[in-house]
Amino acid sequence: MSRAGPDVTIVSGNTLIPALDALQNFPTRSYSSSPRFLVSAVMPSELESAMESLIMVFHRYADKDGRGETLSKKELKQLMETELASFLKSQKDPATIDKIMKDLDQNGDGEVSFEEFVSLVVGLSIACEQIYQIHIKKTATKK
């Protein structure tokens, strides 16, 4: 368990917010066709903006069938074809989406929750960071 802020505790990857009442008065930013997300009234940091983008992208595609809480296989495919097009194009296997859906759907309900979706983003981010490290090492050895 670690502390993430004055009223937020991280436990096994889940955020627990003991003082939910305090969030009612938290400064928010509103988006024309989107729910209000908790965002600082000051300019968000680069990481806060990235987290906000992740949430917004997930819900943009999850809302296509009107449910909004999970991604169907069709919605996941649309998201990946649009938002992860370079990654998808680099895959040689035509069943990539099916395999990813199976891997992500940990509870076997045929849908991908936000929590399940985040594991895809984390995995891709780790792979990208490893490629970045290789690039840095190659660049350093050329000097």
Protein backbone atom coordinates (compact mmCIF):
# COMPACT_ATOMS: atom_id res chain seq x y z
CA MET A 1 0.00 0.00 0.00
CA SER A 2 1.34 3.45 -0.86
CA ARG A 3 0.11 6.99 -0.57
CA ALA A 4 -0.77 8.79 -3.78
CA GLY A 5 -1.94 12.06 -2.28
CA PRO A 6 -3.56 13.51 0.81
CA ASP A 7 -6.79 11.53 0.54
CA VAL A 8 -5.91 8.83 -2.00
CA THR A 9 -4.38 5.48 -1.11
CA ILE A 10 -3.18 2.98 -3.72
CA VAL A 11 -3.84 -0.65 -2.80
CA SER A 12 -2.86 -3.36 -5.31
CA GLY A 13 -3.41 -1.06 -8.28
CA ASN A 14 -6.86 0.11 -7.15
CA THR A 15 -7.44 3.67 -6.05
CA LEU A 16 -9.37 4.05 -2.82
CA ILE A 17 -10.67 7.50 -2.02
CA PRO A 18 -11.61 7.70 1.64
CA ALA A 19 -12.96 11.25 1.46
CA LEU A 20 -15.39 11.08 -1.47
CA ASP A 21 -17.23 14.14 -0.18
CA ALA A 22 -14.09 16.19 -0.76
CA LEU A 23 -14.23 15.27 -4.45
CA GLN A 24 -17.58 17.01 -4.84
CA ASN A 25 -15.77 20.34 -4.54
CA PHE A 26 -12.68 19.34 -6.53
CA PRO A 27 -12.06 21.70 -9.49
CA THR A 28 -13.12 20.09 -12.77
CA ARG A 29 -12.94 20.78 -16.45
CA SER A 30 -15.99 20.14 -18.59
CA TYR A 31 -16.02 18.68 -22.10
CA SER A 32 -18.92 19.39 -24.41
CA SER A 33 -20.08 15.80 -24.97
CA SER A 34 -18.17 14.09 -22.19
CA PRO A 35 -18.69 13.57 -18.49
CA ARG A 36 -16.80 15.85 -16.13
CA PHE A 37 -13.44 14.37 -15.20
CA LEU A 38 -11.45 15.38 -12.20
CA VAL A 39 -8.76 17.70 -13.48
CA SER A 40 -6.91 20.36 -11.60
CA ALA A 41 -8.03 23.93 -12.22
CA VAL A 42 -4.39 24.77 -12.91
CA MET A 43 -2.68 23.62 -16.07
CA PRO A 44 -2.48 19.80 -15.90
CA SER A 45 0.93 18.21 -15.92
CA GLU A 46 2.07 16.14 -18.87
CA LEU A 47 1.31 12.93 -16.96
CA GLU A 48 -2.12 14.17 -15.86
CA SER A 49 -2.92 15.04 -19.47
CA ALA A 50 -1.82 11.56 -20.57
CA MET A 51 -4.04 9.92 -17.94
CA GLU A 52 -6.96 12.12 -18.99
CA SER A 53 -6.39 11.18 -22.65
CA LEU A 54 -6.34 7.49 -21.78
CA ILE A 55 -9.69 7.80 -20.00
CA MET A 56 -11.24 9.91 -22.77
CA VAL A 57 -10.11 7.56 -25.57
CA PHE A 58 -11.42 4.49 -23.74
CA HIS A 59 -14.84 6.05 -23.17
CA ARG A 60 -15.07 7.49 -26.70
CA TYR A 61 -14.99 3.93 -28.06
CA ALA A 62 -16.83 2.25 -25.15
CA ASP A 63 -19.74 4.65 -25.66
CA LYS A 64 -20.31 3.58 -29.28
CA ASP A 65 -22.77 0.84 -28.29
CA GLY A 66 -24.42 3.01 -25.67
CA ARG A 67 -23.11 1.03 -22.68
CA GLY A 68 -20.03 3.13 -22.04
CA GLU A 69 -18.47 1.00 -19.34
CA THR A 70 -16.72 -1.67 -21.42
CA LEU A 71 -15.35 -2.26 -24.90
CA SER A 72 -16.91 -4.95 -27.05
CA LYS A 73 -14.66 -6.79 -29.50
CA LYS A 74 -15.94 -4.49 -32.26
CA GLU A 75 -15.21 -1.37 -30.20
CA LEU A 76 -11.74 -2.66 -29.25
CA LYS A 77 -11.02 -3.29 -32.93
CA GLN A 78 -12.15 0.24 -33.87
CA LEU A 79 -10.04 1.72 -31.08
CA MET A 80 -6.94 -0.20 -32.10
CA GLU A 81 -7.39 0.52 -35.82
CA THR A 82 -7.62 4.24 -35.09
CA GLU A 83 -5.58 4.89 -31.95
CA LEU A 84 -2.95 2.13 -32.29
CA ALA A 85 -2.79 1.89 -36.08
CA SER A 86 1.02 1.72 -36.28
CA PHE A 87 1.15 -1.10 -33.76
CA LEU A 88 -1.62 -3.01 -35.52
CA LYS A 89 -0.02 -2.59 -38.95
CA SER A 90 3.25 -4.04 -37.64
CA GLN A 91 1.51 -7.27 -36.61
CA LYS A 92 1.73 -10.09 -39.13
CA ASP A 93 -1.04 -12.24 -37.65
CA PRO A 94 -4.55 -11.42 -38.96
CA ALA A 95 -6.00 -12.76 -35.69
CA THR A 96 -4.17 -10.16 -33.58
CA ILE A 97 -7.36 -8.46 -32.37
CA ASP A 98 -8.88 -11.81 -31.36
CA LYS A 99 -5.75 -12.75 -29.42
CA ILE A 100 -5.55 -9.37 -27.71
CA MET A 101 -9.24 -9.53 -26.80
CA LYS A 102 -8.76 -12.99 -25.29
CA ASP A 103 -5.69 -11.86 -23.33
CA LEU A 104 -7.35 -8.68 -22.04
CA ASP A 105 -10.70 -10.20 -21.09
CA GLN A 106 -9.49 -11.60 -17.77
CA ASN A 107 -12.97 -12.27 -16.39
CA GLY A 108 -14.21 -13.93 -19.61
CA ASP A 109 -17.30 -11.75 -20.05
CA GLY A 110 -16.57 -10.95 -23.70
CA GLU A 111 -16.01 -7.29 -22.85
CA VAL A 112 -12.91 -5.28 -21.94
CA SER A 113 -13.22 -3.07 -18.87
CA PHE A 114 -11.12 0.03 -18.36
CA GLU A 115 -8.93 -1.89 -15.92
CA GLU A 116 -8.40 -4.66 -18.48
CA PHE A 117 -7.73 -2.08 -21.23
CA VAL A 118 -5.08 -0.33 -19.13
CA SER A 119 -3.06 -3.56 -19.06
CA LEU A 120 -2.75 -3.33 -22.88
CA VAL A 121 -1.54 0.26 -22.66
CA VAL A 122 0.92 -0.64 -19.90
CA GLY A 123 2.28 -3.60 -21.87
CA LEU A 124 2.73 -1.52 -25.02
CA SER A 125 4.31 1.29 -22.99
CA ILE A 126 6.81 -1.10 -21.43
CA ALA A 127 7.72 -2.48 -24.86
CA CYS A 128 8.14 1.06 -26.23
CA GLU A 129 10.32 2.04 -23.27
CA GLN A 130 12.54 -1.01 -23.86
CA ILE A 131 12.96 0.02 -27.51
CA TYR A 132 13.74 3.56 -26.33
CA GLN A 133 16.46 2.21 -24.01
CA ILE A 134 18.02 0.23 -26.88
CA HIS A 135 17.97 3.37 -29.02
CA ILE A 136 19.63 5.42 -26.26
CA LYS A 137 22.38 2.80 -25.84
CA LYS A 138 23.02 2.69 -29.59
CA THR A 139 23.15 6.47 -29.74
CA ALA A 140 25.56 6.62 -26.80
CA THR A 141 27.95 4.07 -28.34
CA LYS A 142 28.14 6.12 -31.59
CA LYS A 143 29.49 9.17 -29.74
